[in-house]
C-alpha atoms as a PDB file:
ATOM      1  CA  MET A   1     -16.395   5.419   2.650  1.00  0.00           C
ATOM      2  CA  GLN A   2     -15.416   7.891   0.161  1.00  0.00           C
ATOM      3  CA  GLU A   3     -13.472  10.883   0.138  1.00  0.00           C
ATOM      4  CA  LYS A   4     -13.626  13.693  -2.421  1.00  0.00           C
ATOM      5  CA  ILE A   5     -10.101  14.700  -2.973  1.00  0.00           C
ATOM      6  CA  SER A   6      -8.837  18.204  -4.536  1.00  0.00           C
ATOM      7  CA  GLU A   7      -8.128  18.078  -8.393  1.00  0.00           C
ATOM      8  CA  LYS A   8      -4.145  19.186  -8.040  1.00  0.00           C
ATOM      9  CA  THR A   9      -1.570  17.672 -10.369  1.00  0.00           C
ATOM     10  CA  ASN A  10      -0.735  14.365  -9.325  1.00  0.00           C
ATOM     11  CA  GLN A  11      -3.389  13.986  -6.616  1.00  0.00           C
ATOM     12  CA  PRO A  12      -6.069  11.450  -6.256  1.00  0.00           C
ATOM     13  CA  GLN A  13      -9.170  12.267  -7.618  1.00  0.00           C
ATOM     14  CA  MET A  14     -11.233  10.076  -5.287  1.00  0.00           C
ATOM     15  CA  LYS A  15     -10.547   7.433  -2.416  1.00  0.00           C
ATOM     16  CA  PHE A  16     -12.690   4.601  -1.117  1.00  0.00           C
ATOM     17  CA  SER A  17     -12.015   2.346   1.876  1.00  0.00           C
ATOM     18  CA  ALA A  18     -13.584  -0.420   3.609  1.00  0.00           C
ATOM     19  CA  GLY A  19     -11.555  -1.582   6.530  1.00  0.00           C
ATOM     20  CA  ASN A  20      -8.286  -2.158   5.587  1.00  0.00           C
ATOM     21  CA  ILE A  21      -8.630  -2.140   2.012  1.00  0.00           C
ATOM     22  CA  LYS A  22      -8.239   1.043  -0.115  1.00  0.00           C
ATOM     23  CA  ALA A  23      -9.122   2.149  -3.660  1.00  0.00           C
ATOM     24  CA  THR A  24      -7.985   5.526  -4.957  1.00  0.00           C
ATOM     25  CA  VAL A  25      -8.939   6.812  -8.501  1.00  0.00           C
ATOM     26  CA  TRP A  26      -6.145   8.726 -10.347  1.00  0.00           C
ATOM     27  CA  THR A  27      -6.672  11.082 -13.373  1.00  0.00           C
ATOM     28  CA  ASN A  28      -3.814  10.747 -15.658  1.00  0.00           C
ATOM     29  CA  HIS A  29      -3.198  13.231 -18.684  1.00  0.00           C
ATOM     30  CA  ALA A  30      -1.540  11.945 -21.861  1.00  0.00           C
ATOM     31  CA  LYS A  31      -1.430  12.725 -25.646  1.00  0.00           C
ATOM     32  CA  ASN A  32      -3.383  10.651 -28.056  1.00  0.00           C
ATOM     33  CA  LYS A  33      -1.910   9.340 -31.544  1.00  0.00           C
ATOM     34  CA  SER A  34      -3.092  12.951 -33.011  1.00  0.00           C
ATOM     35  CA  GLY A  35      -0.925  14.840 -30.571  1.00  0.00           C
ATOM     36  CA  GLU A  36      -4.391  15.951 -28.552  1.00  0.00           C
ATOM     37  CA  GLU A  37      -4.162  16.026 -24.780  1.00  0.00           C
ATOM     38  CA  THR A  38      -6.335  13.378 -23.578  1.00  0.00           C
ATOM     39  CA  GLU A  39      -7.654  12.346 -19.734  1.00  0.00           C
ATOM     40  CA  PHE A  40      -8.069   9.103 -18.459  1.00  0.00           C
ATOM     41  CA  SER A  41      -8.488   7.310 -14.977  1.00  0.00           C
ATOM     42  CA  THR A  42      -6.818   4.687 -13.339  1.00  0.00           C
ATOM     43  CA  ILE A  43      -7.251   2.807 -10.213  1.00  0.00           C
ATOM     44  CA  THR A  44      -4.821   1.359  -7.540  1.00  0.00           C
ATOM     45  CA  LEU A  45      -5.768  -1.176  -4.952  1.00  0.00           C
ATOM     46  CA  GLU A  46      -4.177  -1.729  -1.709  1.00  0.00           C
ATOM     47  CA  ARG A  47      -4.347  -3.567   1.887  1.00  0.00           C
ATOM     48  CA  VAL A  48      -3.116  -1.494   4.798  1.00  0.00           C
ATOM     49  CA  TYR A  49      -1.614  -3.396   7.717  1.00  0.00           C
ATOM     50  CA  LYS A  50       0.724  -2.824  10.754  1.00  0.00           C
ATOM     51  CA  ASP A  51       3.982  -4.500  10.686  1.00  0.00           C
ATOM     52  CA  LYS A  52       5.683  -6.317  13.468  1.00  0.00           C
ATOM     53  CA  GLU A  53       7.291  -2.879  14.747  1.00  0.00           C
ATOM     54  CA  ASP A  54       3.638  -1.522  14.736  1.00  0.00           C
ATOM     55  CA  GLN A  55       4.665   0.619  11.736  1.00  0.00           C
ATOM     56  CA  TRP A  56       1.597   1.078   8.859  1.00  0.00           C
ATOM     57  CA  GLN A  57       2.662  -0.635   5.616  1.00  0.00           C
ATOM     58  CA  SER A  58       0.661  -1.382   2.318  1.00  0.00           C
ATOM     59  CA  THR A  59       0.607  -4.272  -0.216  1.00  0.00           C
ATOM     60  CA  ASN A  60      -0.942  -5.071  -3.363  1.00  0.00           C
ATOM     61  CA  VAL A  61      -1.308  -8.814  -1.982  1.00  0.00           C
ATOM     62  CA  PHE A  62      -4.746  -9.754  -0.588  1.00  0.00           C
ATOM     63  CA  ARG A  63      -6.216 -12.566   1.591  1.00  0.00           C
ATOM     64  CA  ILE A  64      -9.220 -14.414   0.327  1.00  0.00           C
ATOM     65  CA  GLY A  65     -11.526 -12.771   2.919  1.00  0.00           C
ATOM     66  CA  ASP A  66     -10.155  -9.232   1.633  1.00  0.00           C
ATOM     67  CA  LEU A  67     -11.877 -10.025  -1.893  1.00  0.00           C
ATOM     68  CA  PRO A  68     -15.520  -9.072  -1.367  1.00  0.00           C
ATOM     69  CA  LYS A  69     -14.239  -5.655   0.181  1.00  0.00           C
ATOM     70  CA  ALA A  70     -11.957  -5.109  -2.684  1.00  0.00           C
ATOM     71  CA  ALA A  71     -14.634  -6.053  -5.332  1.00  0.00           C
ATOM     72  CA  ALA A  72     -16.952  -3.678  -3.763  1.00  0.00           C
ATOM     73  CA  LEU A  73     -14.383  -0.985  -3.912  1.00  0.00           C
ATOM     74  CA  ILE A  74     -13.667  -1.548  -7.486  1.00  0.00           C
ATOM     75  CA  ASN A  75     -17.404  -1.366  -8.575  1.00  0.00           C
ATOM     76  CA  LYS A  76     -17.637   1.829  -6.300  1.00  0.00           C
ATOM     77  CA  ALA A  77     -14.758   3.473  -7.983  1.00  0.00           C
ATOM     78  CA  TYR A  78     -16.028   2.442 -11.633  1.00  0.00           C
ATOM     79  CA  GLU A  79     -19.349   3.531 -11.071  1.00  0.00           C
ATOM     80  CA  ASN A  80     -18.072   6.840 -10.010  1.00  0.00           C
ATOM     81  CA  ILE A  81     -15.869   7.484 -12.884  1.00  0.00           C
ATOM     82  CA  VAL A  82     -18.347   6.393 -15.330  1.00  0.00           C
ATOM     83  CA  VAL A  83     -21.052   9.098 -13.848  1.00  0.00           C
ATOM     84  CA  ARG A  84     -18.338  11.529 -13.792  1.00  0.00           C
ATOM     85  CA  GLU A  85     -17.281  11.160 -17.665  1.00  0.00           C
ATOM     86  CA  ALA A  86     -21.312  10.855 -18.646  1.00  0.00           C
END
C-alpha cells in the first residue's frame, strides 16, 4: 500500500506498508558546503505490534519472516525517490 502525504514541513513525503511493516520517506533540508540550500530523502523502517496491554507499539527490530516485506518496501521507497528526483 502506498500513501501520498502532503508536503508540509516535518511531514513524511510518502508512506508504504505491507502488513505490520511500514516504510516512511522523509524529505530533509540542509545547506551544502557552499551554503546553498539542498534537499535529500531518508527512509525510516518499522514494525508495529500490539503489546500485552493491547496498545500499539513500534520497533526497528525485525523477525526473520519480516525481512522479505521490509526489503520490498525499501525497494518501493527507493524507486519512488529515484523517480521523483529524475
